[in-house]
C-alpha atoms as a PDB file:
ATOM      1  CA  MET A   1      15.216   3.906  -7.774  1.00  0.00           C
ATOM      2  CA  ALA A   2      12.858   2.603 -10.469  1.00  0.00           C
ATOM      3  CA  LEU A   3       9.505   1.245  -9.385  1.00  0.00           C
ATOM      4  CA  ASP A   4       8.528  -2.312 -10.241  1.00  0.00           C
ATOM      5  CA  VAL A   5       4.908  -3.317  -9.691  1.00  0.00           C
ATOM      6  CA  ARG A   6       3.504  -6.805 -10.321  1.00  0.00           C
ATOM      7  CA  THR A   7      -0.021  -8.049  -9.771  1.00  0.00           C
ATOM      8  CA  GLU A   8      -0.726 -11.692  -9.007  1.00  0.00           C
ATOM      9  CA  SER A   9      -3.973 -13.537  -8.515  1.00  0.00           C
ATOM     10  CA  ALA A  10      -4.311 -15.103  -5.064  1.00  0.00           C
ATOM     11  CA  GLY A  11      -7.563 -16.909  -5.880  1.00  0.00           C
ATOM     12  CA  ASP A  12     -11.124 -16.380  -4.615  1.00  0.00           C
ATOM     13  CA  GLY A  13     -11.311 -12.762  -5.813  1.00  0.00           C
ATOM     14  CA  ARG A  14      -8.063 -11.769  -4.128  1.00  0.00           C
ATOM     15  CA  VAL A  15      -5.059 -10.175  -5.815  1.00  0.00           C
ATOM     16  CA  VAL A  16      -1.656  -9.162  -4.491  1.00  0.00           C
ATOM     17  CA  VAL A  17       0.116  -6.110  -5.843  1.00  0.00           C
ATOM     18  CA  ARG A  18       3.846  -6.498  -5.172  1.00  0.00           C
ATOM     19  CA  VAL A  19       5.738  -3.225  -5.138  1.00  0.00           C
ATOM     20  CA  ARG A  20       9.526  -2.837  -5.304  1.00  0.00           C
ATOM     21  CA  GLY A  21      11.315   0.500  -5.139  1.00  0.00           C
ATOM     22  CA  TYR A  22      10.620   4.034  -3.972  1.00  0.00           C
ATOM     23  CA  VAL A  23       7.018   5.237  -4.006  1.00  0.00           C
ATOM     24  CA  ASP A  24       7.243   8.995  -4.406  1.00  0.00           C
ATOM     25  CA  LEU A  25       6.148  11.841  -6.665  1.00  0.00           C
ATOM     26  CA  GLU A  26       8.055  10.371  -9.617  1.00  0.00           C
ATOM     27  CA  THR A  27       6.616   6.845  -9.297  1.00  0.00           C
ATOM     28  CA  GLU A  28       3.204   7.123  -7.637  1.00  0.00           C
ATOM     29  CA  GLU A  29       1.358   7.322 -10.955  1.00  0.00           C
ATOM     30  CA  ARG A  30       2.646   3.852 -11.901  1.00  0.00           C
ATOM     31  CA  LEU A  31       1.380   2.381  -8.626  1.00  0.00           C
ATOM     32  CA  GLY A  32      -1.948   4.168  -9.001  1.00  0.00           C
ATOM     33  CA  GLN A  33      -2.421   2.725 -12.493  1.00  0.00           C
ATOM     34  CA  GLU A  34      -1.649  -0.780 -11.246  1.00  0.00           C
ATOM     35  CA  LEU A  35      -4.109  -0.469  -8.355  1.00  0.00           C
ATOM     36  CA  THR A  36      -6.822   0.761 -10.707  1.00  0.00           C
ATOM     37  CA  THR A  37      -6.144  -2.136 -13.085  1.00  0.00           C
ATOM     38  CA  ALA A  38      -6.182  -4.662 -10.226  1.00  0.00           C
ATOM     39  CA  LEU A  39      -9.469  -3.294  -8.905  1.00  0.00           C
ATOM     40  CA  SER A  40     -10.981  -3.380 -12.406  1.00  0.00           C
ATOM     41  CA  ARG A  41     -10.550  -7.132 -12.666  1.00  0.00           C
ATOM     42  CA  SER A  42     -13.802  -9.037 -12.732  1.00  0.00           C
ATOM     43  CA  GLY A  43     -14.729 -10.541  -9.361  1.00  0.00           C
ATOM     44  CA  VAL A  44     -11.997  -8.841  -7.315  1.00  0.00           C
ATOM     45  CA  THR A  45     -13.018  -8.491  -3.689  1.00  0.00           C
ATOM     46  CA  GLU A  46      -9.666  -7.870  -2.027  1.00  0.00           C
ATOM     47  CA  VAL A  47      -6.393  -6.215  -3.058  1.00  0.00           C
ATOM     48  CA  THR A  48      -3.333  -6.582  -0.864  1.00  0.00           C
ATOM     49  CA  VAL A  49      -0.426  -4.230  -1.518  1.00  0.00           C
ATOM     50  CA  ASP A  50       2.832  -5.920  -0.503  1.00  0.00           C
ATOM     51  CA  LEU A  51       5.288  -3.229   0.614  1.00  0.00           C
ATOM     52  CA  ALA A  52       8.087  -5.550   1.764  1.00  0.00           C
ATOM     53  CA  GLU A  53      10.443  -4.228  -0.928  1.00  0.00           C
ATOM     54  CA  VAL A  54       9.570  -0.537  -0.586  1.00  0.00           C
ATOM     55  CA  PRO A  55      12.359   1.262   1.311  1.00  0.00           C
ATOM     56  CA  PHE A  56      10.778   4.721   0.961  1.00  0.00           C
ATOM     57  CA  LEU A  57       7.258   6.096   0.658  1.00  0.00           C
ATOM     58  CA  ASP A  58       6.411   9.810   0.736  1.00  0.00           C
ATOM     59  CA  SER A  59       3.133  11.708   1.017  1.00  0.00           C
ATOM     60  CA  SER A  60       2.297  11.113  -2.656  1.00  0.00           C
ATOM     61  CA  GLY A  61       2.643   7.386  -1.979  1.00  0.00           C
ATOM     62  CA  VAL A  62       0.308   7.679   1.004  1.00  0.00           C
ATOM     63  CA  ARG A  63      -2.185   9.518  -1.210  1.00  0.00           C
ATOM     64  CA  VAL A  64      -2.115   6.875  -3.951  1.00  0.00           C
ATOM     65  CA  LEU A  65      -2.740   4.131  -1.363  1.00  0.00           C
ATOM     66  CA  LEU A  66      -5.686   6.077   0.059  1.00  0.00           C
ATOM     67  CA  ASP A  67      -7.029   6.694  -3.447  1.00  0.00           C
ATOM     68  CA  GLY A  68      -6.774   2.955  -4.077  1.00  0.00           C
ATOM     69  CA  ARG A  69      -8.646   2.250  -0.858  1.00  0.00           C
ATOM     70  CA  SER A  70     -11.407   4.699  -1.877  1.00  0.00           C
ATOM     71  CA  THR A  71     -11.688   3.069  -5.295  1.00  0.00           C
ATOM     72  CA  ALA A  72     -11.842  -0.366  -3.687  1.00  0.00           C
ATOM     73  CA  LEU A  73     -14.606   0.672  -1.295  1.00  0.00           C
ATOM     74  CA  ALA A  74     -16.597   2.252  -4.135  1.00  0.00           C
ATOM     75  CA  ARG A  75     -16.417  -1.083  -5.974  1.00  0.00           C
ATOM     76  CA  GLY A  76     -17.367  -3.163  -2.939  1.00  0.00           C
ATOM     77  CA  ALA A  77     -13.841  -4.443  -2.409  1.00  0.00           C
ATOM     78  CA  ALA A  78     -11.151  -4.030   0.228  1.00  0.00           C
ATOM     79  CA  LEU A  79      -7.586  -2.761  -0.055  1.00  0.00           C
ATOM     80  CA  ALA A  80      -4.914  -3.305   2.574  1.00  0.00           C
ATOM     81  CA  VAL A  81      -1.143  -3.115   2.802  1.00  0.00           C
ATOM     82  CA  ARG A  82       1.185  -5.687   4.305  1.00  0.00           C
ATOM     83  CA  ASP A  83       4.810  -6.042   5.372  1.00  0.00           C
ATOM     84  CA  PRO A  84       5.929  -2.401   5.281  1.00  0.00           C
ATOM     85  CA  GLN A  85       9.581  -1.816   6.083  1.00  0.00           C
ATOM     86  CA  PRO A  86      10.106   0.130   9.350  1.00  0.00           C
ATOM     87  CA  VAL A  87      10.514   3.534   7.672  1.00  0.00           C
ATOM     88  CA  VAL A  88       7.383   2.995   5.559  1.00  0.00           C
ATOM     89  CA  ASP A  89       5.455   1.704   8.576  1.00  0.00           C
ATOM     90  CA  ARG A  90       6.419   4.847  10.461  1.00  0.00           C
ATOM     91  CA  VAL A  91       5.211   7.110   7.619  1.00  0.00           C
ATOM     92  CA  LEU A  92       1.871   5.291   7.529  1.00  0.00           C
ATOM     93  CA  ARG A  93       1.480   5.599  11.300  1.00  0.00           C
ATOM     94  CA  ILE A  94       2.596   9.238  11.565  1.00  0.00           C
ATOM     95  CA  THR A  95       0.114  10.208   8.857  1.00  0.00           C
ATOM     96  CA  GLY A  96      -2.647   8.341  10.691  1.00  0.00           C
ATOM     97  CA  VAL A  97      -3.546   5.965   7.865  1.00  0.00           C
ATOM     98  CA  ALA A  98      -1.968   2.691   9.035  1.00  0.00           C
ATOM     99  CA  GLU A  99      -5.163   1.204  10.435  1.00  0.00           C
ATOM    100  CA  LEU A 100      -7.222   2.448   7.466  1.00  0.00           C
ATOM    101  CA  LEU A 101      -4.845   0.448   5.290  1.00  0.00           C
ATOM    102  CA  GLY A 102      -5.224  -2.709   7.374  1.00  0.00           C
ATOM    103  CA  LEU A 103      -2.163  -2.550   9.603  1.00  0.00           C
ATOM    104  CA  PRO A 104      -2.641  -3.557  13.232  1.00  0.00           C
ATOM    105  CA  PRO A 105      -2.878  -0.791  15.826  1.00  0.00           C
ATOM    106  CA  ASP A 106       0.386   0.439  17.287  1.00  0.00           C
ATOM    107  CA  GLY A 107       0.496   0.058  21.063  1.00  0.00           C
ATOM    108  CA  ASP A 108       2.105   3.415  21.848  1.00  0.00           C
ATOM    109  CA  GLY A 109       0.788   5.405  18.886  1.00  0.00           C
ATOM    110  CA  LEU A 110       4.271   6.294  17.702  1.00  0.00           C
ATOM    111  CA  GLY A 111       4.805   3.678  15.015  1.00  0.00           C
ATOM    112  CA  ALA A 112       7.958   1.748  14.290  1.00  0.00           C
ATOM    113  CA  ARG A 113      11.062   3.182  15.875  1.00  0.00           C
ATOM    114  CA  ILE A 114      14.272   3.830  14.014  1.00  0.00           C
ATOM    115  CA  ALA A 115      17.309   3.065  16.115  1.00  0.00           C
ATOM    116  CA  PRO A 116      19.654   6.020  16.612  1.00  0.00           C
ATOM    117  CA  ALA A 117      22.958   5.821  14.758  1.00  0.00           C
END
């Protein structure tokens, strides 16, 4: 699945990076470039990565989000994700980065559950 990434200004130094598609080894470079560009904008203080249309994210996707967070912190900004689909939420929780990326704590520590088939 091709990756589509769009960045929109949300005013007051905030931008939203909307991601659609799989974030994996084949597409993570595109997301990384977009995050770098968003964080390079003058006056940016906060970048929100909207994952509502991301059905799959692998370890390379986790890495690019953490790299984006590191870049944001180095520039005095914040980076957080929002609205991950259940599978993506689970990946972020299993890898221990959900709270680093601004997601609320999970009550049982296990992340989103996938119903058995």
